[in-house]
mmCIF file of all heavy atoms, coordinates in Angstrom:
data_MODEL
# 
_entry.id   MODEL 
# 
loop_
_atom_site.group_PDB 
_atom_site.id 
_atom_site.type_symbol 
_atom_site.label_atom_id 
_atom_site.label_alt_id 
_atom_site.label_comp_id 
_atom_site.label_asym_id 
_atom_site.label_entity_id 
_atom_site.label_seq_id 
_atom_site.pdbx_PDB_ins_code 
_atom_site.Cartn_x 
_atom_site.Cartn_y 
_atom_site.Cartn_z 
_atom_site.occupancy 
_atom_site.B_iso_or_equiv 
_atom_site.pdbx_formal_charge 
_atom_site.auth_seq_id 
_atom_site.auth_comp_id 
_atom_site.auth_asym_id 
_atom_site.auth_atom_id 
_atom_site.pdbx_PDB_model_num 
ATOM 1   N N   . LEU A 1 1  ? 0.839   -1.203 -0.001 1.00 0.00 ? 1  LEU A N   1 
ATOM 2   C CA  . LEU A 1 1  ? 0.005   0.001  -0.005 1.00 0.00 ? 1  LEU A CA  1 
ATOM 3   C C   . LEU A 1 1  ? 0.875   1.271  0.003  1.00 0.00 ? 1  LEU A C   1 
ATOM 4   O O   . LEU A 1 1  ? 1.913   1.296  0.660  1.00 0.00 ? 1  LEU A O   1 
ATOM 5   C CB  . LEU A 1 1  ? -0.909  0.019  1.241  1.00 0.00 ? 1  LEU A CB  1 
ATOM 6   C CG  . LEU A 1 1  ? -2.049  -0.998 1.285  1.00 0.00 ? 1  LEU A CG  1 
ATOM 7   C CD1 . LEU A 1 1  ? -2.774  -0.910 2.614  1.00 0.00 ? 1  LEU A CD1 1 
ATOM 8   C CD2 . LEU A 1 1  ? -3.035  -0.743 0.158  1.00 0.00 ? 1  LEU A CD2 1 
ATOM 9   N N   . ASN A 1 2  ? 0.440   2.212  -0.760 1.00 0.00 ? 2  ASN A N   1 
ATOM 10  C CA  . ASN A 1 2  ? 1.170   3.509  -0.781 1.00 0.00 ? 2  ASN A CA  1 
ATOM 11  C C   . ASN A 1 2  ? 0.116   4.610  -0.994 1.00 0.00 ? 2  ASN A C   1 
ATOM 12  O O   . ASN A 1 2  ? -0.105  5.035  -2.120 1.00 0.00 ? 2  ASN A O   1 
ATOM 13  C CB  . ASN A 1 2  ? 2.208   3.522  -1.880 1.00 0.00 ? 2  ASN A CB  1 
ATOM 14  C CG  . ASN A 1 2  ? 2.999   4.793  -1.898 1.00 0.00 ? 2  ASN A CG  1 
ATOM 15  O OD1 . ASN A 1 2  ? 3.079   5.457  -0.858 1.00 0.00 ? 2  ASN A OD1 1 
ATOM 16  N ND2 . ASN A 1 2  ? 3.583   5.134  -3.035 1.00 0.00 ? 2  ASN A ND2 1 
ATOM 17  N N   . ASN A 1 3  ? -0.515  5.016  0.105  1.00 0.00 ? 3  ASN A N   1 
ATOM 18  C CA  . ASN A 1 3  ? -1.497  6.100  -0.025 1.00 0.00 ? 3  ASN A CA  1 
ATOM 19  C C   . ASN A 1 3  ? -1.407  6.945  1.255  1.00 0.00 ? 3  ASN A C   1 
ATOM 20  O O   . ASN A 1 3  ? -1.007  6.474  2.297  1.00 0.00 ? 3  ASN A O   1 
ATOM 21  C CB  . ASN A 1 3  ? -2.892  5.569  -0.297 1.00 0.00 ? 3  ASN A CB  1 
ATOM 22  C CG  . ASN A 1 3  ? -3.401  4.698  0.840  1.00 0.00 ? 3  ASN A CG  1 
ATOM 23  O OD1 . ASN A 1 3  ? -3.613  5.171  1.928  1.00 0.00 ? 3  ASN A OD1 1 
ATOM 24  N ND2 . ASN A 1 3  ? -3.607  3.412  0.558  1.00 0.00 ? 3  ASN A ND2 1 
ATOM 25  N N   . PRO A 1 4  ? -1.865  8.205  1.191  1.00 0.00 ? 4  PRO A N   1 
ATOM 26  C CA  . PRO A 1 4  ? -1.749  9.120  2.323  1.00 0.00 ? 4  PRO A CA  1 
ATOM 27  C C   . PRO A 1 4  ? -2.483  8.605  3.583  1.00 0.00 ? 4  PRO A C   1 
ATOM 28  O O   . PRO A 1 4  ? -1.983  8.804  4.689  1.00 0.00 ? 4  PRO A O   1 
ATOM 29  C CB  . PRO A 1 4  ? -2.396  10.438 1.781  1.00 0.00 ? 4  PRO A CB  1 
ATOM 30  C CG  . PRO A 1 4  ? -2.263  10.331 0.293  1.00 0.00 ? 4  PRO A CG  1 
ATOM 31  C CD  . PRO A 1 4  ? -2.373  8.880  0.003  1.00 0.00 ? 4  PRO A CD  1 
ATOM 32  N N   . LEU A 1 5  ? -3.658  8.025  3.391  1.00 0.00 ? 5  LEU A N   1 
ATOM 33  C CA  . LEU A 1 5  ? -4.402  7.582  4.561  1.00 0.00 ? 5  LEU A CA  1 
ATOM 34  C C   . LEU A 1 5  ? -3.661  6.464  5.295  1.00 0.00 ? 5  LEU A C   1 
ATOM 35  O O   . LEU A 1 5  ? -3.608  6.404  6.526  1.00 0.00 ? 5  LEU A O   1 
ATOM 36  C CB  . LEU A 1 5  ? -5.826  7.097  4.166  1.00 0.00 ? 5  LEU A CB  1 
ATOM 37  C CG  . LEU A 1 5  ? -6.767  6.732  5.255  1.00 0.00 ? 5  LEU A CG  1 
ATOM 38  C CD1 . LEU A 1 5  ? -6.843  7.867  6.307  1.00 0.00 ? 5  LEU A CD1 1 
ATOM 39  C CD2 . LEU A 1 5  ? -8.150  6.423  4.710  1.00 0.00 ? 5  LEU A CD2 1 
ATOM 40  N N   . ALA A 1 6  ? -3.041  5.552  4.547  1.00 0.00 ? 6  ALA A N   1 
ATOM 41  C CA  . ALA A 1 6  ? -2.248  4.452  5.185  1.00 0.00 ? 6  ALA A CA  1 
ATOM 42  C C   . ALA A 1 6  ? -1.083  5.038  5.947  1.00 0.00 ? 6  ALA A C   1 
ATOM 43  O O   . ALA A 1 6  ? -0.792  4.627  7.079  1.00 0.00 ? 6  ALA A O   1 
ATOM 44  C CB  . ALA A 1 6  ? -1.762  3.496  4.122  1.00 0.00 ? 6  ALA A CB  1 
ATOM 45  N N   . ARG A 1 7  ? -0.432  6.069  5.368  1.00 0.00 ? 7  ARG A N   1 
ATOM 46  C CA  . ARG A 1 7  ? 0.681   6.691  6.064  1.00 0.00 ? 7  ARG A CA  1 
ATOM 47  C C   . ARG A 1 7  ? 0.231   7.407  7.296  1.00 0.00 ? 7  ARG A C   1 
ATOM 48  O O   . ARG A 1 7  ? 0.930   7.464  8.314  1.00 0.00 ? 7  ARG A O   1 
ATOM 49  C CB  . ARG A 1 7  ? 1.436   7.611  5.129  1.00 0.00 ? 7  ARG A CB  1 
ATOM 50  C CG  . ARG A 1 7  ? 2.216   6.913  3.990  1.00 0.00 ? 7  ARG A CG  1 
ATOM 51  C CD  . ARG A 1 7  ? 3.173   7.873  3.305  1.00 0.00 ? 7  ARG A CD  1 
ATOM 52  N NE  . ARG A 1 7  ? 2.511   8.942  2.611  1.00 0.00 ? 7  ARG A NE  1 
ATOM 53  C CZ  . ARG A 1 7  ? 2.093   8.875  1.327  1.00 0.00 ? 7  ARG A CZ  1 
ATOM 54  N NH1 . ARG A 1 7  ? 2.284   7.754  0.645  1.00 0.00 ? 7  ARG A NH1 1 
ATOM 55  N NH2 . ARG A 1 7  ? 1.527   9.898  0.798  1.00 0.00 ? 7  ARG A NH2 1 
ATOM 56  N N   . GLU A 1 8  ? -0.935  8.009  7.260  1.00 0.00 ? 8  GLU A N   1 
ATOM 57  C CA  . GLU A 1 8  ? -1.492  8.716  8.393  1.00 0.00 ? 8  GLU A CA  1 
ATOM 58  C C   . GLU A 1 8  ? -1.823  7.759  9.515  1.00 0.00 ? 8  GLU A C   1 
ATOM 59  O O   . GLU A 1 8  ? -1.563  8.034  10.715 1.00 0.00 ? 8  GLU A O   1 
ATOM 60  C CB  . GLU A 1 8  ? -2.745  9.507  7.982  1.00 0.00 ? 8  GLU A CB  1 
ATOM 61  C CG  . GLU A 1 8  ? -3.372  10.289 9.120  1.00 0.00 ? 8  GLU A CG  1 
ATOM 62  C CD  . GLU A 1 8  ? -4.625  11.009 8.705  1.00 0.00 ? 8  GLU A CD  1 
ATOM 63  O OE1 . GLU A 1 8  ? -4.776  11.242 7.454  1.00 0.00 ? 8  GLU A OE1 1 
ATOM 64  O OE2 . GLU A 1 8  ? -5.456  11.335 9.547  1.00 0.00 ? 8  GLU A OE2 1 
ATOM 65  N N   . LEU A 1 9  ? -2.395  6.600  9.185  1.00 0.00 ? 9  LEU A N   1 
ATOM 66  C CA  . LEU A 1 9  ? -2.761  5.611  10.214 1.00 0.00 ? 9  LEU A CA  1 
ATOM 67  C C   . LEU A 1 9  ? -1.551  4.943  10.831 1.00 0.00 ? 9  LEU A C   1 
ATOM 68  O O   . LEU A 1 9  ? -1.550  4.631  12.044 1.00 0.00 ? 9  LEU A O   1 
ATOM 69  C CB  . LEU A 1 9  ? -3.675  4.546  9.570  1.00 0.00 ? 9  LEU A CB  1 
ATOM 70  C CG  . LEU A 1 9  ? -5.109  4.977  9.263  1.00 0.00 ? 9  LEU A CG  1 
ATOM 71  C CD1 . LEU A 1 9  ? -5.745  3.949  8.379  1.00 0.00 ? 9  LEU A CD1 1 
ATOM 72  C CD2 . LEU A 1 9  ? -5.896  5.138  10.543 1.00 0.00 ? 9  LEU A CD2 1 
ATOM 73  N N   . PHE A 1 10 ? -0.510  4.760  10.023 1.00 0.00 ? 10 PHE A N   1 
ATOM 74  C CA  . PHE A 1 10 ? 0.665   4.037  10.506 1.00 0.00 ? 10 PHE A CA  1 
ATOM 75  C C   . PHE A 1 10 ? 1.925   4.868  10.181 1.00 0.00 ? 10 PHE A C   1 
ATOM 76  O O   . PHE A 1 10 ? 2.689   4.522  9.327  1.00 0.00 ? 10 PHE A O   1 
ATOM 77  C CB  . PHE A 1 10 ? 0.779   2.666  9.887  1.00 0.00 ? 10 PHE A CB  1 
ATOM 78  C CG  . PHE A 1 10 ? -0.401  1.797  10.171 1.00 0.00 ? 10 PHE A CG  1 
ATOM 79  C CD1 . PHE A 1 10 ? -1.370  1.572  9.193  1.00 0.00 ? 10 PHE A CD1 1 
ATOM 80  C CD2 . PHE A 1 10 ? -0.589  1.248  11.415 1.00 0.00 ? 10 PHE A CD2 1 
ATOM 81  C CE1 . PHE A 1 10 ? -2.498  0.804  9.499  1.00 0.00 ? 10 PHE A CE1 1 
ATOM 82  C CE2 . PHE A 1 10 ? -1.702  0.470  11.696 1.00 0.00 ? 10 PHE A CE2 1 
ATOM 83  C CZ  . PHE A 1 10 ? -2.665  0.261  10.753 1.00 0.00 ? 10 PHE A CZ  1 
ATOM 84  N N   . PRO A 1 11 ? 2.102   5.966  10.922 1.00 0.00 ? 11 PRO A N   1 
ATOM 85  C CA  . PRO A 1 11 ? 3.265   6.819  10.628 1.00 0.00 ? 11 PRO A CA  1 
ATOM 86  C C   . PRO A 1 11 ? 4.589   6.066  10.941 1.00 0.00 ? 11 PRO A C   1 
ATOM 87  O O   . PRO A 1 11 ? 4.678   5.267  11.834 1.00 0.00 ? 11 PRO A O   1 
ATOM 88  C CB  . PRO A 1 11 ? 3.079   8.003  11.613 1.00 0.00 ? 11 PRO A CB  1 
ATOM 89  C CG  . PRO A 1 11 ? 2.252   7.441  12.707 1.00 0.00 ? 11 PRO A CG  1 
ATOM 90  C CD  . PRO A 1 11 ? 1.335   6.444  12.060 1.00 0.00 ? 11 PRO A CD  1 
ATOM 91  N N   . ALA A 1 12 ? 5.577   6.365  10.094 1.00 0.00 ? 12 ALA A N   1 
ATOM 92  C CA  . ALA A 1 12 ? 6.917   5.832  10.261 1.00 0.00 ? 12 ALA A CA  1 
ATOM 93  C C   . ALA A 1 12 ? 6.896   4.289  10.259 1.00 0.00 ? 12 ALA A C   1 
ATOM 94  O O   . ALA A 1 12 ? 7.706   3.675  10.956 1.00 0.00 ? 12 ALA A O   1 
ATOM 95  C CB  . ALA A 1 12 ? 7.592   6.341  11.518 1.00 0.00 ? 12 ALA A CB  1 
ATOM 96  N N   . GLY A 1 13 ? 5.952   3.715  9.578  1.00 0.00 ? 13 GLY A N   1 
ATOM 97  C CA  . GLY A 1 13 ? 5.946   2.275  9.474  1.00 0.00 ? 13 GLY A CA  1 
ATOM 98  C C   . GLY A 1 13 ? 5.400   1.553  10.713 1.00 0.00 ? 13 GLY A C   1 
ATOM 99  O O   . GLY A 1 13 ? 5.569   0.350  10.857 1.00 0.00 ? 13 GLY A O   1 
ATOM 100 N N   . SER A 1 14 ? 4.776   2.295  11.646 1.00 0.00 ? 14 SER A N   1 
ATOM 101 C CA  . SER A 1 14 ? 4.291   1.662  12.892 1.00 0.00 ? 14 SER A CA  1 
ATOM 102 C C   . SER A 1 14 ? 3.195   0.685  12.565 1.00 0.00 ? 14 SER A C   1 
ATOM 103 O O   . SER A 1 14 ? 2.316   0.939  11.761 1.00 0.00 ? 14 SER A O   1 
ATOM 104 C CB  . SER A 1 14 ? 3.717   2.711  13.814 1.00 0.00 ? 14 SER A CB  1 
ATOM 105 O OG  . SER A 1 14 ? 3.036   2.129  14.879 1.00 0.00 ? 14 SER A OG  1 
ATOM 106 N N   . MET A 1 15 ? 3.259   -0.497 13.231 1.00 0.00 ? 15 MET A N   1 
ATOM 107 C CA  . MET A 1 15 ? 2.220   -1.529 13.035 1.00 0.00 ? 15 MET A CA  1 
ATOM 108 C C   . MET A 1 15 ? 1.412   -1.674 14.303 1.00 0.00 ? 15 MET A C   1 
ATOM 109 O O   . MET A 1 15 ? 0.624   -2.609 14.430 1.00 0.00 ? 15 MET A O   1 
ATOM 110 C CB  . MET A 1 15 ? 2.907   -2.871 12.735 1.00 0.00 ? 15 MET A CB  1 
ATOM 111 C CG  . MET A 1 15 ? 3.534   -2.905 11.308 1.00 0.00 ? 15 MET A CG  1 
ATOM 112 S SD  . MET A 1 15 ? 2.274   -2.883 10.002 1.00 0.00 ? 15 MET A SD  1 
ATOM 113 C CE  . MET A 1 15 ? 2.422   -1.186 9.458  1.00 0.00 ? 15 MET A CE  1 
ATOM 114 N N   . GLU A 1 16 ? 1.524   -0.777 15.249 1.00 0.00 ? 16 GLU A N   1 
ATOM 115 C CA  . GLU A 1 16 ? 0.824   -0.924 16.505 1.00 0.00 ? 16 GLU A CA  1 
ATOM 116 C C   . GLU A 1 16 ? -0.604  -0.457 16.419 1.00 0.00 ? 16 GLU A C   1 
ATOM 117 O O   . GLU A 1 16 ? -0.882  0.554  15.765 1.00 0.00 ? 16 GLU A O   1 
ATOM 118 C CB  . GLU A 1 16 ? 1.543   -0.106 17.623 1.00 0.00 ? 16 GLU A CB  1 
ATOM 119 C CG  . GLU A 1 16 ? 2.937   -0.551 17.930 1.00 0.00 ? 16 GLU A CG  1 
ATOM 120 C CD  . GLU A 1 16 ? 2.942   -1.952 18.521 1.00 0.00 ? 16 GLU A CD  1 
ATOM 121 O OE1 . GLU A 1 16 ? 2.023   -2.310 19.245 1.00 0.00 ? 16 GLU A OE1 1 
ATOM 122 O OE2 . GLU A 1 16 ? 3.892   -2.736 18.199 1.00 0.00 ? 16 GLU A OE2 1 
ATOM 123 N N   . GLU A 1 17 ? -1.494  -1.221 17.023 1.00 0.00 ? 17 GLU A N   1 
ATOM 124 C CA  . GLU A 1 17 ? -2.886  -0.771 17.167 1.00 0.00 ? 17 GLU A CA  1 
ATOM 125 C C   . GLU A 1 17 ? -2.905  0.355  18.197 1.00 0.00 ? 17 GLU A C   1 
ATOM 126 O O   . GLU A 1 17 ? -2.029  0.442  19.057 1.00 0.00 ? 17 GLU A O   1 
ATOM 127 C CB  . GLU A 1 17 ? -3.760  -1.927 17.616 1.00 0.00 ? 17 GLU A CB  1 
ATOM 128 C CG  . GLU A 1 17 ? -3.921  -3.039 16.620 1.00 0.00 ? 17 GLU A CG  1 
ATOM 129 C CD  . GLU A 1 17 ? -4.941  -2.724 15.576 1.00 0.00 ? 17 GLU A CD  1 
ATOM 130 O OE1 . GLU A 1 17 ? -5.404  -1.562 15.565 1.00 0.00 ? 17 GLU A OE1 1 
ATOM 131 O OE2 . GLU A 1 17 ? -5.269  -3.611 14.794 1.00 0.00 ? 17 GLU A OE2 1 
ATOM 132 N N   . PRO A 1 18 ? -3.898  1.283  18.146 1.00 0.00 ? 18 PRO A N   1 
ATOM 133 C CA  . PRO A 1 18 ? -3.961  2.366  19.185 1.00 0.00 ? 18 PRO A CA  1 
ATOM 134 C C   . PRO A 1 18 ? -4.065  1.763  20.578 1.00 0.00 ? 18 PRO A C   1 
ATOM 135 O O   . PRO A 1 18 ? -4.872  0.882  20.813 1.00 0.00 ? 18 PRO A O   1 
ATOM 136 C CB  . PRO A 1 18 ? -5.223  3.106  18.772 1.00 0.00 ? 18 PRO A CB  1 
ATOM 137 C CG  . PRO A 1 18 ? -5.895  2.331  17.726 1.00 0.00 ? 18 PRO A CG  1 
ATOM 138 C CD  . PRO A 1 18 ? -4.959  1.325  17.167 1.00 0.00 ? 18 PRO A CD  1 
ATOM 139 N N   . LYS A 1 19 ? -3.212  2.242  21.462 1.00 0.00 ? 19 LYS A N   1 
ATOM 140 C CA  . LYS A 1 19 ? -3.184  1.702  22.810 1.00 0.00 ? 19 LYS A CA  1 
ATOM 141 C C   . LYS A 1 19 ? -4.128  2.422  23.744 1.00 0.00 ? 19 LYS A C   1 
ATOM 142 O O   . LYS A 1 19 ? -4.596  1.880  24.747 1.00 0.00 ? 19 LYS A O   1 
ATOM 143 C CB  . LYS A 1 19 ? -1.761  1.760  23.356 1.00 0.00 ? 19 LYS A CB  1 
ATOM 144 C CG  . LYS A 1 19 ? -0.763  0.886  22.601 1.00 0.00 ? 19 LYS A CG  1 
ATOM 145 C CD  . LYS A 1 19 ? 0.613   0.968  23.183 1.00 0.00 ? 19 LYS A CD  1 
ATOM 146 C CE  . LYS A 1 19 ? 1.567   0.052  22.400 1.00 0.00 ? 19 LYS A CE  1 
ATOM 147 N NZ  . LYS A 1 19 ? 2.949   0.114  22.899 1.00 0.00 ? 19 LYS A NZ  1 
ATOM 148 N N   . SER A 1 20 ? -4.439  3.648  23.472 1.00 0.00 ? 20 SER A N   1 
ATOM 149 C CA  . SER A 1 20 ? -5.306  4.429  24.325 1.00 0.00 ? 20 SER A CA  1 
ATOM 150 C C   . SER A 1 20 ? -6.771  4.124  24.005 1.00 0.00 ? 20 SER A C   1 
ATOM 151 O O   . SER A 1 20 ? -7.169  4.136  22.867 1.00 0.00 ? 20 SER A O   1 
ATOM 152 C CB  . SER A 1 20 ? -5.081  5.933  24.123 1.00 0.00 ? 20 SER A CB  1 
ATOM 153 O OG  . SER A 1 20 ? -6.135  6.684  24.640 1.00 0.00 ? 20 SER A OG  1 
ATOM 154 N N   . GLU A 1 21 ? -7.518  3.769  25.049 1.00 0.00 ? 21 GLU A N   1 
ATOM 155 C CA  . GLU A 1 21 ? -8.951  3.490  24.837 1.00 0.00 ? 21 GLU A CA  1 
ATOM 156 C C   . GLU A 1 21 ? -9.678  4.679  24.294 1.00 0.00 ? 21 GLU A C   1 
ATOM 157 O O   . GLU A 1 21 ? -10.594 4.601  23.490 1.00 0.00 ? 21 GLU A O   1 
ATOM 158 C CB  . GLU A 1 21 ? -9.582  2.979  26.146 1.00 0.00 ? 21 GLU A CB  1 
ATOM 159 C CG  . GLU A 1 21 ? -9.067  1.623  26.579 1.00 0.00 ? 21 GLU A CG  1 
ATOM 160 C CD  . GLU A 1 21 ? -9.811  1.135  27.829 1.00 0.00 ? 21 GLU A CD  1 
ATOM 161 O OE1 . GLU A 1 21 ? -10.751 1.842  28.251 1.00 0.00 ? 21 GLU A OE1 1 
ATOM 162 O OE2 . GLU A 1 21 ? -9.424  0.068  28.394 1.00 0.00 ? 21 GLU A OE2 1 
ATOM 163 N N   . ASN A 1 22 ? -9.259  5.891  24.779 1.00 0.00 ? 22 ASN A N   1 
ATOM 164 C CA  . ASN A 1 22 ? -9.917  7.098  24.319 1.00 0.00 ? 22 ASN A CA  1 
ATOM 165 C C   . ASN A 1 22 ? -9.622  7.312  22.826 1.00 0.00 ? 22 ASN A C   1 
ATOM 166 O O   . ASN A 1 22 ? -10.510 7.700  22.078 1.00 0.00 ? 22 ASN A O   1 
ATOM 167 C CB  . ASN A 1 22 ? -9.394  8.289  25.102 1.00 0.00 ? 22 ASN A CB  1 
ATOM 168 C CG  . ASN A 1 22 ? -9.923  8.266  26.536 1.00 0.00 ? 22 ASN A CG  1 
ATOM 169 O OD1 . ASN A 1 22 ? -10.965 7.720  26.829 1.00 0.00 ? 22 ASN A OD1 1 
ATOM 170 N ND2 . ASN A 1 22 ? -9.166  8.849  27.470 1.00 0.00 ? 22 ASN A ND2 1 
ATOM 171 N N   . ASP A 1 23 ? -8.347  7.046  22.445 1.00 0.00 ? 23 ASP A N   1 
ATOM 172 C CA  . ASP A 1 23 ? -8.016  7.214  21.021 1.00 0.00 ? 23 ASP A CA  1 
ATOM 173 C C   . ASP A 1 23 ? -8.834  6.239  20.169 1.00 0.00 ? 23 ASP A C   1 
ATOM 174 O O   . ASP A 1 23 ? -9.325  6.631  19.106 1.00 0.00 ? 23 ASP A O   1 
ATOM 175 C CB  . ASP A 1 23 ? -6.520  6.965  20.820 1.00 0.00 ? 23 ASP A CB  1 
ATOM 176 C CG  . ASP A 1 23 ? -5.695  8.099  21.360 1.00 0.00 ? 23 ASP A CG  1 
ATOM 177 O OD1 . ASP A 1 23 ? -6.263  9.160  21.625 1.00 0.00 ? 23 ASP A OD1 1 
ATOM 178 O OD2 . ASP A 1 23 ? -4.475  7.890  21.524 1.00 0.00 ? 23 ASP A OD2 1 
ATOM 179 N N   . ALA A 1 24 ? -8.945  5.014  20.686 1.00 0.00 ? 24 ALA A N   1 
ATOM 180 C CA  . ALA A 1 24 ? -9.679  4.030  19.925 1.00 0.00 ? 24 ALA A CA  1 
ATOM 181 C C   . ALA A 1 24 ? -11.200 4.398  19.822 1.00 0.00 ? 24 ALA A C   1 
ATOM 182 O O   . ALA A 1 24 ? -11.827 4.201  18.825 1.00 0.00 ? 24 ALA A O   1 
ATOM 183 C CB  . ALA A 1 24 ? -9.508  2.664  20.571 1.00 0.00 ? 24 ALA A CB  1 
ATOM 184 N N   . ALA A 1 25 ? -11.702 4.921  20.923 1.00 0.00 ? 25 ALA A N   1 
ATOM 185 C CA  . ALA A 1 25 ? -13.114 5.255  20.968 1.00 0.00 ? 25 ALA A CA  1 
ATOM 186 C C   . ALA A 1 25 ? -13.469 6.410  20.019 1.00 0.00 ? 25 ALA A C   1 
ATOM 187 O O   . ALA A 1 25 ? -14.565 6.513  19.504 1.00 0.00 ? 25 ALA A O   1 
ATOM 188 C CB  . ALA A 1 25 ? -13.531 5.619  22.376 1.00 0.00 ? 25 ALA A CB  1 
# 
């Protein structure tokens, strides 16, 4: 994948799911 939304969701190649419940909510 190479699109702006993917880069925004996973900056710098991060594969981590959001850890903050507030962020997830």
